[in-house]
Amino acid sequence: MVCVISAAQTPTVWSGVYSEAQAYRGEKVADTTCIGCHGPKLDGGDSGPKLVGEVFLANWSSQPVGVMFDWIREAMPAEAPGTLSRDETAAVIAYILQLNKMPAGKLDLSTDREALGRIGIVAAPPR
């Protein structure tokens, strides 16, 4: 028997993939680590783009969360790349998802690369 996963079963950022507590932790990390470039509430700064809104979502749409996780983990913060822990990186992503009005769930966003690779970034909520 072959099991086929439909698009409706594939988790996306609209599936409640992070917890509110994790997003709160991410806000604290962002307020100390990301604010200098990306501005307050990550809405754009002098040297960093907005991490909220249509342009941001369009740039990341159709990518798995794992790609964003790797990018942040390896390249951010710009003045000290690779210094965020896996937990801090996942928390910042949870905060970014919250700022983009994606719903929280009961569990924290995973730090496992394989699990993150199965969560799609989709700009628009499902209908």
N, C-alpha and C. Protein backbone atom coordinates (compact mmCIF):
# COMPACT_ATOMS: atom_id res chain seq x y z
N MET A 1 0.85 -1.18 0.00
CA MET A 1 0.00 0.00 0.00
C MET A 1 0.89 1.24 0.00
N VAL A 2 0.59 2.17 -0.86
CA VAL A 2 1.36 3.41 -0.98
C VAL A 2 0.59 4.51 -0.27
N CYS A 3 1.30 5.24 0.57
CA CYS A 3 0.70 6.37 1.27
C CYS A 3 1.13 7.65 0.56
N VAL A 4 0.17 8.40 0.09
CA VAL A 4 0.45 9.66 -0.59
C VAL A 4 0.02 10.80 0.33
N ILE A 5 0.91 11.73 0.55
CA ILE A 5 0.59 12.89 1.37
C ILE A 5 0.11 14.00 0.46
N SER A 6 -1.08 14.46 0.71
CA SER A 6 -1.61 15.55 -0.10
C SER A 6 -1.07 16.88 0.40
N ALA A 7 -1.20 17.89 -0.42
CA ALA A 7 -0.74 19.22 -0.04
C ALA A 7 -1.45 19.70 1.23
N ALA A 8 -2.70 19.28 1.41
CA ALA A 8 -3.45 19.70 2.59
C ALA A 8 -2.86 19.11 3.86
N GLN A 9 -2.16 17.98 3.75
CA GLN A 9 -1.57 17.33 4.92
C GLN A 9 -0.16 17.83 5.21
N THR A 10 0.47 18.48 4.26
CA THR A 10 1.82 18.97 4.45
C THR A 10 1.78 20.18 5.38
N PRO A 11 2.54 20.14 6.48
CA PRO A 11 2.50 21.30 7.38
C PRO A 11 3.09 22.55 6.74
N THR A 12 2.48 23.66 7.05
CA THR A 12 2.99 24.96 6.60
C THR A 12 3.09 25.87 7.81
N VAL A 13 3.59 27.06 7.59
CA VAL A 13 3.69 28.03 8.67
C VAL A 13 2.32 28.44 9.20
N TRP A 14 1.25 28.05 8.51
CA TRP A 14 -0.11 28.34 8.95
C TRP A 14 -0.69 27.20 9.80
N SER A 15 0.12 26.17 10.08
CA SER A 15 -0.34 24.98 10.80
C SER A 15 -0.10 25.03 12.30
N GLY A 16 0.28 26.18 12.85
CA GLY A 16 0.56 26.27 14.28
C GLY A 16 1.84 25.54 14.65
N VAL A 17 2.94 25.91 13.99
CA VAL A 17 4.20 25.16 14.12
C VAL A 17 5.12 25.71 15.21
N TYR A 18 4.71 26.74 15.93
CA TYR A 18 5.50 27.31 17.02
C TYR A 18 4.56 27.60 18.18
N SER A 19 5.12 27.82 19.36
CA SER A 19 4.30 28.18 20.52
C SER A 19 4.43 29.67 20.82
N GLU A 20 3.43 30.21 21.51
CA GLU A 20 3.49 31.62 21.91
C GLU A 20 4.68 31.88 22.82
N ALA A 21 4.96 30.94 23.72
CA ALA A 21 6.10 31.10 24.64
C ALA A 21 7.41 31.16 23.86
N GLN A 22 7.52 30.35 22.81
CA GLN A 22 8.73 30.37 21.99
C GLN A 22 8.85 31.69 21.25
N ALA A 23 7.75 32.20 20.73
CA ALA A 23 7.78 33.51 20.04
C ALA A 23 8.19 34.61 21.01
N TYR A 24 7.74 34.52 22.25
CA TYR A 24 8.13 35.50 23.26
C TYR A 24 9.65 35.44 23.50
N ARG A 25 10.19 34.23 23.58
CA ARG A 25 11.64 34.08 23.72
C ARG A 25 12.35 34.66 22.50
N GLY A 26 11.78 34.45 21.34
CA GLY A 26 12.35 34.98 20.11
C GLY A 26 12.33 36.50 20.07
N GLU A 27 11.29 37.09 20.63
CA GLU A 27 11.22 38.55 20.71
C GLU A 27 12.38 39.08 21.55
N LYS A 28 12.67 38.40 22.65
CA LYS A 28 13.77 38.83 23.52
C LYS A 28 15.11 38.73 22.79
N VAL A 29 15.32 37.66 22.03
CA VAL A 29 16.55 37.51 21.24
C VAL A 29 16.61 38.61 20.18
N ALA A 30 15.50 38.82 19.48
CA ALA A 30 15.46 39.83 18.42
C ALA A 30 15.71 41.23 18.98
N ASP A 31 15.18 41.50 20.17
CA ASP A 31 15.36 42.83 20.77
C ASP A 31 16.81 43.12 21.13
N THR A 32 17.61 42.09 21.29
CA THR A 32 19.02 42.31 21.62
C THR A 32 19.95 42.03 20.45
N THR A 33 19.55 41.15 19.54
CA THR A 33 20.45 40.70 18.49
C THR A 33 20.09 41.21 17.10
N CYS A 34 18.82 41.37 16.81
CA CYS A 34 18.37 41.67 15.45
C CYS A 34 17.95 43.13 15.25
N ILE A 35 17.58 43.79 16.33
CA ILE A 35 17.00 45.12 16.25
C ILE A 35 17.93 46.14 15.58
N GLY A 36 19.23 46.00 15.76
CA GLY A 36 20.18 46.95 15.21
C GLY A 36 20.11 47.07 13.70
N CYS A 37 19.88 45.96 13.03
CA CYS A 37 19.78 45.96 11.56
C CYS A 37 18.34 45.96 11.06
N HIS A 38 17.48 45.17 11.73
CA HIS A 38 16.13 44.96 11.22
C HIS A 38 15.08 45.85 11.87
N GLY A 39 15.48 46.67 12.84
CA GLY A 39 14.57 47.61 13.47
C GLY A 39 13.66 46.98 14.50
N PRO A 40 12.95 47.85 15.24
CA PRO A 40 12.00 47.36 16.24
C PRO A 40 10.88 46.57 15.55
N LYS A 41 10.47 45.51 16.18
CA LYS A 41 9.42 44.63 15.62
C LYS A 41 9.82 44.10 14.24
N LEU A 42 11.12 44.13 13.96
CA LEU A 42 11.70 43.59 12.72
C LEU A 42 11.07 44.17 11.46
N ASP A 43 10.63 45.43 11.57
CA ASP A 43 9.94 46.07 10.45
C ASP A 43 10.86 46.89 9.56
N GLY A 44 12.14 46.59 9.59
CA GLY A 44 13.10 47.23 8.70
C GLY A 44 13.96 48.24 9.43
N GLY A 45 15.23 48.19 9.14
CA GLY A 45 16.17 49.12 9.76
C GLY A 45 17.07 49.74 8.73
N ASP A 46 18.10 50.40 9.21
CA ASP A 46 19.03 51.08 8.31
C ASP A 46 19.81 50.11 7.43
N SER A 47 20.14 48.94 7.96
CA SER A 47 20.97 48.02 7.18
C SER A 47 20.35 46.66 6.97
N GLY A 48 19.13 46.46 7.43
CA GLY A 48 18.49 45.16 7.26
C GLY A 48 17.07 45.30 6.76
N PRO A 49 16.63 44.34 5.98
CA PRO A 49 15.27 44.41 5.42
C PRO A 49 14.19 44.10 6.46
N LYS A 50 12.97 44.43 6.09
CA LYS A 50 11.81 44.05 6.89
C LYS A 50 11.72 42.53 6.93
N LEU A 51 11.36 41.99 8.09
CA LEU A 51 11.12 40.55 8.22
C LEU A 51 9.64 40.28 8.42
N VAL A 52 8.84 41.28 8.08
CA VAL A 52 7.38 41.16 8.14
C VAL A 52 6.79 41.75 6.86
N GLY A 53 5.64 41.24 6.49
CA GLY A 53 4.93 41.83 5.36
C GLY A 53 5.04 41.04 4.08
N GLU A 54 4.36 41.58 3.08
CA GLU A 54 4.20 40.89 1.80
C GLU A 54 5.52 40.64 1.07
N VAL A 55 6.42 41.61 1.05
CA VAL A 55 7.68 41.44 0.33
C VAL A 55 8.51 40.34 0.98
N PHE A 56 8.60 40.38 2.30
CA PHE A 56 9.34 39.34 3.01
C PHE A 56 8.75 37.96 2.71
N LEU A 57 7.43 37.84 2.83
CA LEU A 57 6.78 36.55 2.61
C LEU A 57 6.93 36.10 1.16
N ALA A 58 6.85 37.01 0.22
CA ALA A 58 7.03 36.65 -1.19
C ALA A 58 8.44 36.11 -1.44
N ASN A 59 9.43 36.71 -0.78
CA ASN A 59 10.82 36.25 -0.96
C ASN A 59 11.05 34.85 -0.42
N TRP A 60 10.33 34.48 0.63
CA TRP A 60 10.54 33.18 1.27
C TRP A 60 9.49 32.14 0.88
N SER A 61 8.40 32.57 0.26
CA SER A 61 7.32 31.65 -0.08
C SER A 61 7.83 30.51 -0.95
N SER A 62 7.33 29.35 -0.69
CA SER A 62 7.67 28.09 -1.38
C SER A 62 8.98 27.48 -0.89
N GLN A 63 9.62 28.09 0.10
CA GLN A 63 10.81 27.52 0.71
C GLN A 63 10.39 26.77 1.98
N PRO A 64 11.12 25.76 2.37
CA PRO A 64 10.85 25.17 3.67
C PRO A 64 11.45 26.03 4.79
N VAL A 65 10.89 25.93 5.97
CA VAL A 65 11.40 26.67 7.12
C VAL A 65 12.87 26.32 7.36
N GLY A 66 13.26 25.11 7.03
CA GLY A 66 14.65 24.69 7.21
C GLY A 66 15.64 25.58 6.48
N VAL A 67 15.28 26.10 5.33
CA VAL A 67 16.17 26.99 4.57
C VAL A 67 16.35 28.30 5.34
N MET A 68 15.26 28.84 5.88
CA MET A 68 15.34 30.06 6.68
C MET A 68 16.17 29.80 7.94
N PHE A 69 15.94 28.67 8.58
CA PHE A 69 16.68 28.31 9.79
C PHE A 69 18.19 28.29 9.49
N ASP A 70 18.57 27.61 8.42
CA ASP A 70 19.99 27.53 8.06
C ASP A 70 20.56 28.91 7.76
N TRP A 71 19.81 29.74 7.04
CA TRP A 71 20.28 31.08 6.68
C TRP A 71 20.54 31.90 7.94
N ILE A 72 19.57 31.93 8.84
CA ILE A 72 19.72 32.72 10.06
C ILE A 72 20.87 32.15 10.90
N ARG A 73 20.90 30.86 11.03
CA ARG A 73 21.92 30.20 11.88
C ARG A 73 23.33 30.45 11.36
N GLU A 74 23.51 30.44 10.05
CA GLU A 74 24.84 30.57 9.46
C GLU A 74 25.26 32.01 9.18
N ALA A 75 24.30 32.89 8.88
CA ALA A 75 24.66 34.23 8.40
C ALA A 75 24.30 35.37 9.34
N MET A 76 23.54 35.09 10.38
CA MET A 76 23.07 36.16 11.26
C MET A 76 23.57 35.93 12.68
N PRO A 77 23.70 36.97 13.45
CA PRO A 77 23.63 38.37 13.05
C PRO A 77 24.83 38.73 12.17
N ALA A 78 24.67 39.72 11.35
CA ALA A 78 25.68 40.08 10.36
C ALA A 78 27.05 40.35 10.98
N GLU A 79 27.06 40.96 12.17
CA GLU A 79 28.34 41.28 12.79
C GLU A 79 28.96 40.10 13.55
N ALA A 80 28.19 39.02 13.72
CA ALA A 80 28.70 37.83 14.43
C ALA A 80 27.99 36.58 13.92
N PRO A 81 28.15 36.26 12.62
CA PRO A 81 27.42 35.13 12.05
C PRO A 81 27.71 33.83 12.78
N GLY A 82 26.66 33.02 12.88
CA GLY A 82 26.82 31.69 13.47
C GLY A 82 26.84 31.67 14.99
N THR A 83 26.53 32.80 15.63
CA THR A 83 26.60 32.83 17.09
C THR A 83 25.27 32.51 17.78
N LEU A 84 24.18 32.47 17.03
CA LEU A 84 22.90 32.10 17.64
C LEU A 84 22.85 30.59 17.82
N SER A 85 22.33 30.16 18.94
CA SER A 85 22.15 28.72 19.17
C SER A 85 20.98 28.22 18.31
N ARG A 86 20.84 26.92 18.24
CA ARG A 86 19.71 26.34 17.50
C ARG A 86 18.39 26.79 18.13
N ASP A 87 18.34 26.78 19.47
CA ASP A 87 17.12 27.20 20.16
C ASP A 87 16.81 28.67 19.92
N GLU A 88 17.83 29.52 19.94
CA GLU A 88 17.62 30.95 19.68
C GLU A 88 17.15 31.17 18.26
N THR A 89 17.72 30.44 17.32
CA THR A 89 17.32 30.58 15.92
C THR A 89 15.86 30.19 15.73
N ALA A 90 15.46 29.06 16.30
CA ALA A 90 14.06 28.62 16.20
C ALA A 90 13.13 29.63 16.87
N ALA A 91 13.56 30.20 17.99
CA ALA A 91 12.73 31.19 18.69
C ALA A 91 12.57 32.46 17.85
N VAL A 92 13.63 32.90 17.20
CA VAL A 92 13.53 34.08 16.33
C VAL A 92 12.57 33.79 15.17
N ILE A 93 12.66 32.62 14.59
CA ILE A 93 11.73 32.26 13.51
C ILE A 93 10.30 32.24 14.03
N ALA A 94 10.09 31.72 15.23
CA ALA A 94 8.74 31.72 15.82
C ALA A 94 8.24 33.16 15.96
N TYR A 95 9.10 34.06 16.39
CA TYR A 95 8.73 35.47 16.52
C TYR A 95 8.40 36.07 15.15
N ILE A 96 9.20 35.75 14.15
CA ILE A 96 8.94 36.24 12.79
C ILE A 96 7.58 35.73 12.30
N LEU A 97 7.28 34.47 12.56
CA LEU A 97 5.98 33.91 12.15
C LEU A 97 4.85 34.63 12.88
N GLN A 98 5.04 34.88 14.17
CA GLN A 98 4.02 35.59 14.95
C GLN A 98 3.79 37.00 14.39
N LEU A 99 4.89 37.70 14.10
CA LEU A 99 4.76 39.06 13.55
C LEU A 99 4.04 39.06 12.20
N ASN A 100 4.16 37.95 11.47
CA ASN A 100 3.49 37.84 10.18
C ASN A 100 2.09 37.24 10.30
N LYS A 101 1.59 37.22 11.55
CA LYS A 101 0.21 36.83 11.85
C LYS A 101 -0.10 35.36 11.56
N MET A 102 0.93 34.52 11.63
CA MET A 102 0.72 33.08 11.49
C MET A 102 0.40 32.52 12.87
N PRO A 103 -0.55 31.61 12.96
CA PRO A 103 -1.03 31.17 14.27
C PRO A 103 -0.01 30.33 15.04
N ALA A 104 -0.06 30.50 16.35
CA ALA A 104 0.75 29.66 17.23
C ALA A 104 0.04 28.34 17.46
N GLY A 105 0.81 27.36 17.85
CA GLY A 105 0.28 26.06 18.23
C GLY A 105 0.64 25.78 19.67
N LYS A 106 0.64 24.52 20.02
CA LYS A 106 0.93 24.14 21.40
C LYS A 106 2.40 23.79 21.61
N LEU A 107 3.10 23.40 20.54
CA LEU A 107 4.49 22.95 20.65
C LEU A 107 5.45 23.96 20.06
N ASP A 108 6.66 23.97 20.59
CA ASP A 108 7.71 24.82 20.03
C ASP A 108 8.08 24.36 18.63
N LEU A 109 8.53 25.29 17.80
CA LEU A 109 9.10 24.96 16.51
C LEU A 109 10.34 24.12 16.75
N SER A 110 10.48 23.07 16.02
CA SER A 110 11.60 22.15 16.18
C SER A 110 12.92 22.82 15.82
N THR A 111 13.99 22.26 16.32
CA THR A 111 15.33 22.69 15.90
C THR A 111 15.96 21.62 15.01
N ASP A 112 15.21 20.58 14.72
CA ASP A 112 15.69 19.49 13.87
C ASP A 112 15.59 19.88 12.40
N ARG A 113 16.70 19.85 11.71
CA ARG A 113 16.76 20.29 10.31
C ARG A 113 15.81 19.50 9.42
N GLU A 114 15.73 18.21 9.63
CA GLU A 114 14.84 17.38 8.80
C GLU A 114 13.37 17.76 9.02
N ALA A 115 12.98 17.95 10.27
CA ALA A 115 11.60 18.34 10.58
C ALA A 115 11.29 19.72 9.99
N LEU A 116 12.23 20.65 10.11
CA LEU A 116 12.03 22.00 9.56
C LEU A 116 11.93 21.98 8.04
N GLY A 117 12.59 21.03 7.41
CA GLY A 117 12.55 20.90 5.97
C GLY A 117 11.19 20.45 5.44
N ARG A 118 10.35 19.95 6.34
CA ARG A 118 9.01 19.49 5.92
C ARG A 118 7.93 20.55 6.14
N ILE A 119 8.30 21.72 6.69
CA ILE A 119 7.32 22.78 6.95
C ILE A 119 7.48 23.85 5.87
N GLY A 120 6.45 24.05 5.10
CA GLY A 120 6.52 25.01 4.01
C GLY A 120 6.20 26.43 4.44
N ILE A 121 6.93 27.37 3.86
CA ILE A 121 6.61 28.78 4.04
C ILE A 121 5.65 29.15 2.91
N VAL A 122 4.47 29.56 3.29
CA VAL A 122 3.42 29.91 2.34
C VAL A 122 2.90 31.29 2.74
N ALA A 123 2.90 32.22 1.79
CA ALA A 123 2.56 33.60 2.10
C ALA A 123 1.10 33.77 2.54
N ALA A 124 0.19 33.09 1.88
CA ALA A 124 -1.23 33.27 2.18
C ALA A 124 -1.77 32.11 3.01
N PRO A 125 -2.68 32.42 3.93
CA PRO A 125 -3.28 31.33 4.71
C PRO A 125 -4.13 30.43 3.83
N PRO A 126 -4.26 29.16 4.24
CA PRO A 126 -5.11 28.26 3.44
C PRO A 126 -6.56 28.72 3.47
N ARG A 127 -7.29 28.38 2.45
CA ARG A 127 -8.70 28.77 2.37
C ARG A 127 -9.58 27.67 2.85
